[in-house]
C-alpha atoms as a PDB file:
ATOM      1  CA  MET A   1     144.162 155.497  91.077  1.00  0.00           C
ATOM      2  CA  LYS A   2     145.805 157.409  93.929  1.00  0.00           C
ATOM      3  CA  LYS A   3     146.295 160.428  91.658  1.00  0.00           C
ATOM      4  CA  THR A   4     142.615 160.329  90.750  1.00  0.00           C
ATOM      5  CA  LEU A   5     141.554 160.225  94.412  1.00  0.00           C
ATOM      6  CA  LEU A   6     143.844 163.162  95.190  1.00  0.00           C
ATOM      7  CA  ALA A   7     142.473 165.197  92.289  1.00  0.00           C
ATOM      8  CA  VAL A   8     138.853 164.557  93.241  1.00  0.00           C
ATOM      9  CA  ALA A   9     139.494 165.271  96.909  1.00  0.00           C
ATOM     10  CA  THR A  10     141.311 168.516  96.036  1.00  0.00           C
ATOM     11  CA  ALA A  11     138.416 169.649  93.878  1.00  0.00           C
ATOM     12  CA  VAL A  12     135.871 168.984  96.613  1.00  0.00           C
ATOM     13  CA  ALA A  13     138.060 170.683  99.198  1.00  0.00           C
ATOM     14  CA  ALA A  14     138.148 173.740  96.965  1.00  0.00           C
ATOM     15  CA  LEU A  15     134.363 173.695  96.776  1.00  0.00           C
ATOM     16  CA  SER A  16     134.121 173.549 100.542  1.00  0.00           C
ATOM     17  CA  ILE A  17     135.711 176.991 100.954  1.00  0.00           C
ATOM     18  CA  GLN A  18     133.459 178.700  98.433  1.00  0.00           C
ATOM     19  CA  PRO A  19     130.801 180.961  99.979  1.00  0.00           C
ATOM     20  CA  THR A  20     127.972 179.056  98.276  1.00  0.00           C
ATOM     21  CA  ALA A  21     129.118 175.617  99.428  1.00  0.00           C
ATOM     22  CA  GLN A  22     127.559 174.485 102.685  1.00  0.00           C
ATOM     23  CA  ALA A  23     126.207 171.468 104.510  1.00  0.00           C
ATOM     24  CA  ASP A  24     122.572 172.315 105.331  1.00  0.00           C
ATOM     25  CA  THR A  25     120.589 174.993 107.128  1.00  0.00           C
ATOM     26  CA  ILE A  26     119.204 172.473 109.656  1.00  0.00           C
ATOM     27  CA  PHE A  27     119.898 168.915 110.718  1.00  0.00           C
ATOM     28  CA  GLY A  28     118.153 166.374 108.541  1.00  0.00           C
ATOM     29  CA  VAL A  29     118.177 162.615 108.143  1.00  0.00           C
ATOM     30  CA  TYR A  30     117.234 160.904 104.887  1.00  0.00           C
ATOM     31  CA  ALA A  31     116.590 157.161 104.608  1.00  0.00           C
ATOM     32  CA  GLY A  32     115.381 155.300 101.570  1.00  0.00           C
ATOM     33  CA  GLY A  33     115.372 152.201  99.441  1.00  0.00           C
ATOM     34  CA  GLN A  34     114.877 151.120  95.844  1.00  0.00           C
ATOM     35  CA  TYR A  35     113.608 147.990  94.128  1.00  0.00           C
ATOM     36  CA  TRP A  36     115.522 147.787  90.832  1.00  0.00           C
ATOM     37  CA  ASP A  37     114.547 145.575  87.866  1.00  0.00           C
ATOM     38  CA  THR A  38     117.816 145.054  85.986  1.00  0.00           C
ATOM     39  CA  SER A  39     118.891 143.760  82.619  1.00  0.00           C
ATOM     40  CA  THR A  40     122.509 142.564  82.750  1.00  0.00           C
ATOM     41  CA  SER A  41     124.933 142.255  79.844  1.00  0.00           C
ATOM     42  CA  GLY A  42     128.657 142.023  79.240  1.00  0.00           C
ATOM     43  CA  ARG A  43     131.770 139.966  79.768  1.00  0.00           C
ATOM     44  CA  PHE A  44     134.494 139.349  82.325  1.00  0.00           C
ATOM     45  CA  GLY A  45     137.715 137.462  82.987  1.00  0.00           C
ATOM     46  CA  THR A  46     140.936 137.519  84.954  1.00  0.00           C
ATOM     47  CA  SER A  47     142.883 138.871  81.985  1.00  0.00           C
ATOM     48  CA  ASP A  48     142.152 140.717  78.756  1.00  0.00           C
ATOM     49  CA  ASP A  49     140.830 137.359  77.520  1.00  0.00           C
ATOM     50  CA  GLN A  50     137.191 137.956  78.481  1.00  0.00           C
ATOM     51  CA  VAL A  51     134.076 135.972  77.583  1.00  0.00           C
ATOM     52  CA  SER A  52     130.516 137.236  77.144  1.00  0.00           C
ATOM     53  CA  PHE A  53     127.661 135.534  78.995  1.00  0.00           C
ATOM     54  CA  ASP A  54     123.906 135.485  78.438  1.00  0.00           C
ATOM     55  CA  PHE A  55     122.635 136.823  81.752  1.00  0.00           C
ATOM     56  CA  THR A  56     119.142 136.504  83.162  1.00  0.00           C
ATOM     57  CA  ASP A  57     117.094 139.558  84.085  1.00  0.00           C
ATOM     58  CA  ASP A  58     117.105 139.961  87.846  1.00  0.00           C
ATOM     59  CA  THR A  59     116.093 142.342  90.614  1.00  0.00           C
ATOM     60  CA  GLN A  60     118.489 144.305  92.784  1.00  0.00           C
ATOM     61  CA  THR A  61     117.990 146.425  95.888  1.00  0.00           C
ATOM     62  CA  SER A  62     119.559 149.613  97.160  1.00  0.00           C
ATOM     63  CA  PHE A  63     119.274 151.183 100.623  1.00  0.00           C
ATOM     64  CA  TYR A  64     120.771 154.398 101.929  1.00  0.00           C
ATOM     65  CA  ILE A  65     120.894 156.796 104.842  1.00  0.00           C
ATOM     66  CA  ALA A  66     122.180 160.371 104.735  1.00  0.00           C
ATOM     67  CA  LEU A  67     122.879 163.052 107.323  1.00  0.00           C
ATOM     68  CA  GLU A  68     122.775 166.749 106.439  1.00  0.00           C
ATOM     69  CA  HIS A  69     123.769 169.442 108.943  1.00  0.00           C
ATOM     70  CA  PRO A  70     124.568 173.167 109.223  1.00  0.00           C
ATOM     71  CA  VAL A  71     128.195 172.863 110.409  1.00  0.00           C
ATOM     72  CA  PRO A  72     130.400 175.003 108.095  1.00  0.00           C
ATOM     73  CA  LEU A  73     133.048 173.232 105.984  1.00  0.00           C
ATOM     74  CA  LEU A  74     132.087 169.798 107.328  1.00  0.00           C
ATOM     75  CA  PRO A  75     130.548 167.778 104.475  1.00  0.00           C
ATOM     76  CA  ASN A  76     127.260 165.940 104.570  1.00  0.00           C
ATOM     77  CA  ILE A  77     127.507 162.154 104.470  1.00  0.00           C
ATOM     78  CA  GLN A  78     125.539 159.389 102.803  1.00  0.00           C
ATOM     79  CA  ILE A  79     126.045 155.625 103.060  1.00  0.00           C
ATOM     80  CA  ARG A  80     124.423 153.493 100.378  1.00  0.00           C
ATOM     81  CA  ARG A  81     124.413 149.727  99.817  1.00  0.00           C
ATOM     82  CA  THR A  82     123.574 148.287  96.387  1.00  0.00           C
ATOM     83  CA  THR A  83     123.315 144.637  95.368  1.00  0.00           C
ATOM     84  CA  LEU A  84     124.630 143.680  91.922  1.00  0.00           C
ATOM     85  CA  ALA A  85     124.233 139.929  91.468  1.00  0.00           C
ATOM     86  CA  ASP A  86     123.225 137.829  88.476  1.00  0.00           C
ATOM     87  CA  GLN A  87     123.733 134.516  86.710  1.00  0.00           C
ATOM     88  CA  GLY A  88     124.467 133.679  83.071  1.00  0.00           C
ATOM     89  CA  THR A  89     125.659 130.945  80.733  1.00  0.00           C
ATOM     90  CA  THR A  90     127.819 130.584  77.656  1.00  0.00           C
ATOM     91  CA  THR A  91     129.191 127.871  75.392  1.00  0.00           C
ATOM     92  CA  LEU A  92     132.811 128.622  74.559  1.00  0.00           C
ATOM     93  CA  ASP A  93     133.803 129.108  70.927  1.00  0.00           C
ATOM     94  CA  ARG A  94     137.480 129.188  71.929  1.00  0.00           C
ATOM     95  CA  ASN A  95     139.688 128.247  74.847  1.00  0.00           C
ATOM     96  CA  TYR A  96     139.125 130.461  77.884  1.00  0.00           C
ATOM     97  CA  GLU A  97     141.434 130.947  80.854  1.00  0.00           C
ATOM     98  CA  PHE A  98     139.869 132.085  84.108  1.00  0.00           C
ATOM     99  CA  ASN A  99     141.735 132.357  87.392  1.00  0.00           C
ATOM    100  CA  GLY A 100     144.472 129.948  86.278  1.00  0.00           C
ATOM    101  CA  GLN A 101     142.102 127.316  84.836  1.00  0.00           C
ATOM    102  CA  VAL A 102     141.856 126.750  81.067  1.00  0.00           C
ATOM    103  CA  TYR A 103     138.438 125.733  79.731  1.00  0.00           C
ATOM    104  CA  PRO A 104     138.476 124.155  76.241  1.00  0.00           C
ATOM    105  CA  VAL A 105     136.310 125.180  73.313  1.00  0.00           C
ATOM    106  CA  THR A 106     132.647 123.904  73.391  1.00  0.00           C
ATOM    107  CA  THR A 107     132.627 123.883  77.224  1.00  0.00           C
ATOM    108  CA  THR A 108     129.394 125.233  78.691  1.00  0.00           C
ATOM    109  CA  LEU A 109     130.020 127.544  81.640  1.00  0.00           C
ATOM    110  CA  THR A 110     127.654 129.031  84.179  1.00  0.00           C
ATOM    111  CA  ALA A 111     128.634 132.402  85.599  1.00  0.00           C
ATOM    112  CA  ASP A 112     127.665 133.739  89.005  1.00  0.00           C
ATOM    113  CA  ILE A 113     128.603 137.350  89.631  1.00  0.00           C
ATOM    114  CA  ASP A 114     128.246 139.487  92.729  1.00  0.00           C
ATOM    115  CA  LEU A 115     129.647 142.998  92.504  1.00  0.00           C
ATOM    116  CA  GLY A 116     127.619 144.509  95.317  1.00  0.00           C
ATOM    117  CA  HIS A 117     129.139 147.640  96.768  1.00  0.00           C
ATOM    118  CA  THR A 118     128.806 150.188  99.542  1.00  0.00           C
ATOM    119  CA  ASP A 119     129.124 153.883  98.722  1.00  0.00           C
ATOM    120  CA  TYR A 120     130.544 156.278 101.314  1.00  0.00           C
ATOM    121  CA  ILE A 121     129.668 159.708  99.950  1.00  0.00           C
ATOM    122  CA  LEU A 122     130.876 163.074 101.267  1.00  0.00           C
ATOM    123  CA  TYR A 123     129.184 166.049  99.625  1.00  0.00           C
ATOM    124  CA  TYR A 124     128.353 169.730  99.849  1.00  0.00           C
ATOM    125  CA  GLU A 125     125.186 171.558  98.871  1.00  0.00           C
ATOM    126  CA  ILE A 126     126.465 173.984  96.257  1.00  0.00           C
ATOM    127  CA  PHE A 127     123.006 175.430  95.658  1.00  0.00           C
ATOM    128  CA  ASP A 128     119.774 174.723  97.488  1.00  0.00           C
ATOM    129  CA  ASN A 129     116.307 176.279  97.402  1.00  0.00           C
ATOM    130  CA  ASP A 130     112.724 175.142  96.858  1.00  0.00           C
ATOM    131  CA  LEU A 131     113.255 174.964  93.088  1.00  0.00           C
ATOM    132  CA  ILE A 132     116.843 173.868  92.424  1.00  0.00           C
ATOM    133  CA  SER A 133     119.329 171.822  94.422  1.00  0.00           C
ATOM    134  CA  VAL A 134     122.906 170.920  93.422  1.00  0.00           C
ATOM    135  CA  ASP A 135     125.205 168.627  95.453  1.00  0.00           C
ATOM    136  CA  LEU A 136     128.825 167.826  94.587  1.00  0.00           C
ATOM    137  CA  GLY A 137     131.279 165.554  96.360  1.00  0.00           C
ATOM    138  CA  ILE A 138     133.329 162.374  96.338  1.00  0.00           C
ATOM    139  CA  ASN A 139     132.316 158.743  96.681  1.00  0.00           C
ATOM    140  CA  ALA A 140     134.532 156.038  98.156  1.00  0.00           C
ATOM    141  CA  MET A 141     132.994 152.935  96.586  1.00  0.00           C
ATOM    142  CA  ASN A 142     133.805 149.683  98.373  1.00  0.00           C
ATOM    143  CA  VAL A 143     133.241 146.716  96.038  1.00  0.00           C
ATOM    144  CA  ASP A 144     132.901 143.449  97.951  1.00  0.00           C
ATOM    145  CA  GLY A 145     131.865 140.350  96.010  1.00  0.00           C
ATOM    146  CA  PHE A 146     133.081 137.654  93.637  1.00  0.00           C
ATOM    147  CA  LEU A 147     133.103 136.312  90.093  1.00  0.00           C
ATOM    148  CA  GLN A 148     132.581 132.577  89.624  1.00  0.00           C
ATOM    149  CA  VAL A 149     132.348 130.128  86.739  1.00  0.00           C
ATOM    150  CA  THR A 150     131.101 126.544  86.967  1.00  0.00           C
ATOM    151  CA  ASP A 151     131.716 123.906  84.301  1.00  0.00           C
ATOM    152  CA  GLU A 152     129.419 121.073  83.163  1.00  0.00           C
ATOM    153  CA  ASP A 153     130.795 118.760  85.874  1.00  0.00           C
ATOM    154  CA  GLY A 154     129.946 121.202  88.649  1.00  0.00           C
ATOM    155  CA  ASN A 155     133.536 122.307  89.275  1.00  0.00           C
ATOM    156  CA  ARG A 156     133.552 125.862  90.593  1.00  0.00           C
ATOM    157  CA  ASN A 157     136.264 128.445  90.093  1.00  0.00           C
ATOM    158  CA  SER A 158     135.889 131.827  91.767  1.00  0.00           C
ATOM    159  CA  ILE A 159     137.844 134.975  92.488  1.00  0.00           C
ATOM    160  CA  GLU A 160     137.040 137.558  95.128  1.00  0.00           C
ATOM    161  CA  ALA A 161     136.262 141.101  94.059  1.00  0.00           C
ATOM    162  CA  SER A 162     137.330 143.399  96.863  1.00  0.00           C
ATOM    163  CA  ALA A 163     138.556 146.934  96.248  1.00  0.00           C
ATOM    164  CA  TRP A 164     138.070 150.605  97.073  1.00  0.00           C
ATOM    165  CA  VAL A 165     137.300 152.838  94.107  1.00  0.00           C
ATOM    166  CA  PRO A 166     137.198 156.666  94.387  1.00  0.00           C
ATOM    167  CA  THR A 167     134.695 158.483  92.176  1.00  0.00           C
ATOM    168  CA  ALA A 168     133.260 161.955  91.724  1.00  0.00           C
ATOM    169  CA  TYR A 169     129.651 162.424  92.847  1.00  0.00           C
ATOM    170  CA  GLY A 170     126.868 164.767  91.765  1.00  0.00           C
ATOM    171  CA  HIS A 171     123.150 165.185  92.495  1.00  0.00           C
ATOM    172  CA  PHE A 172     120.783 167.635  90.771  1.00  0.00           C
ATOM    173  CA  ARG A 173     117.126 168.282  91.652  1.00  0.00           C
ATOM    174  CA  LEU A 174     114.558 170.482  89.911  1.00  0.00           C
ATOM    175  CA  GLY A 175     111.179 171.111  91.495  1.00  0.00           C
ATOM    176  CA  ILE A 176     108.159 171.592  89.234  1.00  0.00           C
ATOM    177  CA  PRO A 177     106.357 174.751  90.425  1.00  0.00           C
ATOM    178  CA  ALA A 178     102.811 174.430  91.813  1.00  0.00           C
ATOM    179  CA  THR A 179     103.093 170.626  91.996  1.00  0.00           C
ATOM    180  CA  ASP A 180     104.358 167.962  94.401  1.00  0.00           C
ATOM    181  CA  LEU A 181     106.746 166.654  91.732  1.00  0.00           C
ATOM    182  CA  THR A 182     110.534 166.908  91.501  1.00  0.00           C
ATOM    183  CA  LEU A 183     112.849 165.800  88.705  1.00  0.00           C
ATOM    184  CA  TYR A 184     116.262 164.509  89.747  1.00  0.00           C
ATOM    185  CA  ALA A 185     119.477 163.030  88.415  1.00  0.00           C
ATOM    186  CA  LYS A 186     122.533 161.787  90.270  1.00  0.00           C
ATOM    187  CA  GLY A 187     125.575 159.668  89.695  1.00  0.00           C
ATOM    188  CA  SER A 188     129.132 158.625  90.438  1.00  0.00           C
ATOM    189  CA  PHE A 189     131.846 158.673  87.782  1.00  0.00           C
ATOM    190  CA  LEU A 190     135.429 157.530  87.314  1.00  0.00           C
ATOM    191  CA  ALA A 191     137.639 157.227  84.239  1.00  0.00           C
ATOM    192  CA  ILE A 192     141.316 156.378  84.621  1.00  0.00           C
ATOM    193  CA  ASP A 193     143.657 154.543  82.256  1.00  0.00           C
ATOM    194  CA  ASP A 194     141.590 151.693  80.755  1.00  0.00           C
ATOM    195  CA  SER A 195     139.076 151.504  83.607  1.00  0.00           C
ATOM    196  CA  SER A 196     135.826 153.412  83.964  1.00  0.00           C
ATOM    197  CA  ILE A 197     132.891 153.244  86.344  1.00  0.00           C
ATOM    198  CA  ARG A 198     129.554 154.905  85.758  1.00  0.00           C
ATOM    199  CA  ASP A 199     126.586 154.703  88.117  1.00  0.00           C
ATOM    200  CA  ILE A 200     123.863 157.138  87.066  1.00  0.00           C
ATOM    201  CA  GLU A 201     120.148 157.413  87.657  1.00  0.00           C
ATOM    202  CA  ALA A 202     117.352 159.825  86.836  1.00  0.00           C
ATOM    203  CA  GLY A 203     113.716 159.942  87.784  1.00  0.00           C
ATOM    204  CA  ILE A 204     110.695 161.761  89.094  1.00  0.00           C
ATOM    205  CA  GLU A 205     109.714 162.088  92.748  1.00  0.00           C
ATOM    206  CA  TYR A 206     106.257 162.651  94.235  1.00  0.00           C
ATOM    207  CA  ARG A 207     105.870 164.175  97.707  1.00  0.00           C
ATOM    208  CA  LEU A 208     103.279 161.926  99.281  1.00  0.00           C
ATOM    209  CA  VAL A 209     103.533 163.374 102.810  1.00  0.00           C
ATOM    210  CA  GLU A 210     105.061 166.672 103.921  1.00  0.00           C
ATOM    211  CA  ASN A 211     104.854 167.909 107.512  1.00  0.00           C
ATOM    212  CA  LEU A 212     107.073 168.936 110.427  1.00  0.00           C
ATOM    213  CA  ALA A 213     107.608 165.349 111.601  1.00  0.00           C
ATOM    214  CA  VAL A 214     108.419 163.508 108.379  1.00  0.00           C
ATOM    215  CA  ASP A 215     108.371 163.849 104.606  1.00  0.00           C
ATOM    216  CA  VAL A 216     107.591 160.792 102.480  1.00  0.00           C
ATOM    217  CA  ASN A 217     108.604 160.723  98.812  1.00  0.00           C
ATOM    218  CA  LEU A 218     107.794 158.132  96.156  1.00  0.00           C
ATOM    219  CA  GLN A 219     110.310 157.685  93.332  1.00  0.00           C
ATOM    220  CA  LEU A 220     110.127 156.263  89.825  1.00  0.00           C
ATOM    221  CA  GLY A 221     113.403 156.218  87.940  1.00  0.00           C
ATOM    222  CA  TYR A 222     115.917 154.492  85.700  1.00  0.00           C
ATOM    223  CA  ARG A 223     119.412 153.453  86.788  1.00  0.00           C
ATOM    224  CA  ASP A 224     122.398 152.480  84.657  1.00  0.00           C
ATOM    225  CA  THR A 225     125.572 151.037  86.188  1.00  0.00           C
ATOM    226  CA  GLN A 226     128.590 150.125  84.055  1.00  0.00           C
ATOM    227  CA  LEU A 227     131.769 148.533  85.406  1.00  0.00           C
ATOM    228  CA  GLU A 228     134.588 148.555  82.871  1.00  0.00           C
ATOM    229  CA  LEU A 229     137.518 147.279  84.896  1.00  0.00           C
ATOM    230  CA  ASP A 230     141.090 146.736  83.795  1.00  0.00           C
ATOM    231  CA  ASP A 231     143.071 144.708  86.349  1.00  0.00           C
ATOM    232  CA  LEU A 232     141.119 145.815  89.411  1.00  0.00           C
ATOM    233  CA  ASP A 233     142.228 143.255  91.988  1.00  0.00           C
ATOM    234  CA  ASP A 234     143.002 140.887  89.032  1.00  0.00           C
ATOM    235  CA  ILE A 235     139.521 141.408  87.556  1.00  0.00           C
ATOM    236  CA  TYR A 236     138.784 142.513  84.014  1.00  0.00           C
ATOM    237  CA  SER A 237     135.217 143.260  83.018  1.00  0.00           C
ATOM    238  CA  ASP A 238     132.800 145.197  80.862  1.00  0.00           C
ATOM    239  CA  LEU A 239     129.482 144.669  82.647  1.00  0.00           C
ATOM    240  CA  GLN A 240     126.321 146.740  82.558  1.00  0.00           C
ATOM    241  CA  PHE A 241     123.283 146.649  84.853  1.00  0.00           C
ATOM    242  CA  LYS A 242     120.373 148.845  83.819  1.00  0.00           C
ATOM    243  CA  GLY A 243     116.633 149.133  84.269  1.00  0.00           C
ATOM    244  CA  PRO A 244     113.746 150.924  85.991  1.00  0.00           C
ATOM    245  CA  TYR A 245     113.227 151.128  89.738  1.00  0.00           C
ATOM    246  CA  LEU A 246     110.669 152.103  92.362  1.00  0.00           C
ATOM    247  CA  GLY A 247     111.837 153.911  95.467  1.00  0.00           C
ATOM    248  CA  LEU A 248     110.670 155.314  98.785  1.00  0.00           C
ATOM    249  CA  GLU A 249     112.441 158.037 100.769  1.00  0.00           C
ATOM    250  CA  LEU A 250     111.802 159.344 104.288  1.00  0.00           C
ATOM    251  CA  HIS A 251     113.068 162.719 105.512  1.00  0.00           C
ATOM    252  CA  PHE A 252     113.133 163.423 109.237  1.00  0.00           C
END
């Protein structure tokens, strides 16, 4: 993990000294939020012995604020908070060990998961004009939550999920000429050993208001987050959260 962070940081540092890499031409603040309708699937455990659960569809939220500036070599910054919580059930077809407790076959378990995280993103504008925009950087993802199972007697067994995960970050925007519409795609990625994290989204944005004081953008998109963890703070998982979202962004 440390080698991955060093490699990503080195790559972004190299970008920062390229003539085309910059922060922004003026100071700007972006603030926004998303209402995300997710479908959750997958399995988890505290060892390679993982169990799949039937999760309910749920709604998540995501809020962010970003600062862009014209200071050379100093990256722009974005902070983003995303909820990732859901509940599911399963009836065991074999013995299952979770966090030191063995649950026998035919036991019905209820799972409560919370893998909400805060992204601390440092990025540079590699290319930026009215038509095309490309941002590249690194994301320090701070996962702060828990995994919990509850048996038929109401006995709860939980483990905290708390870790920092470094990922690469990218954001691409393409304006549609003669319209107030913009296509965009962005995401964070990590693949190391047997673990991988993917958080990607794509959508279309409509400029509802555009003036010197504030810009207001409406967003309609689709987001897909997959957490395939192998012994991350004693957690093993292959969980996916995906679905459409509605968003609103303000630019000051």
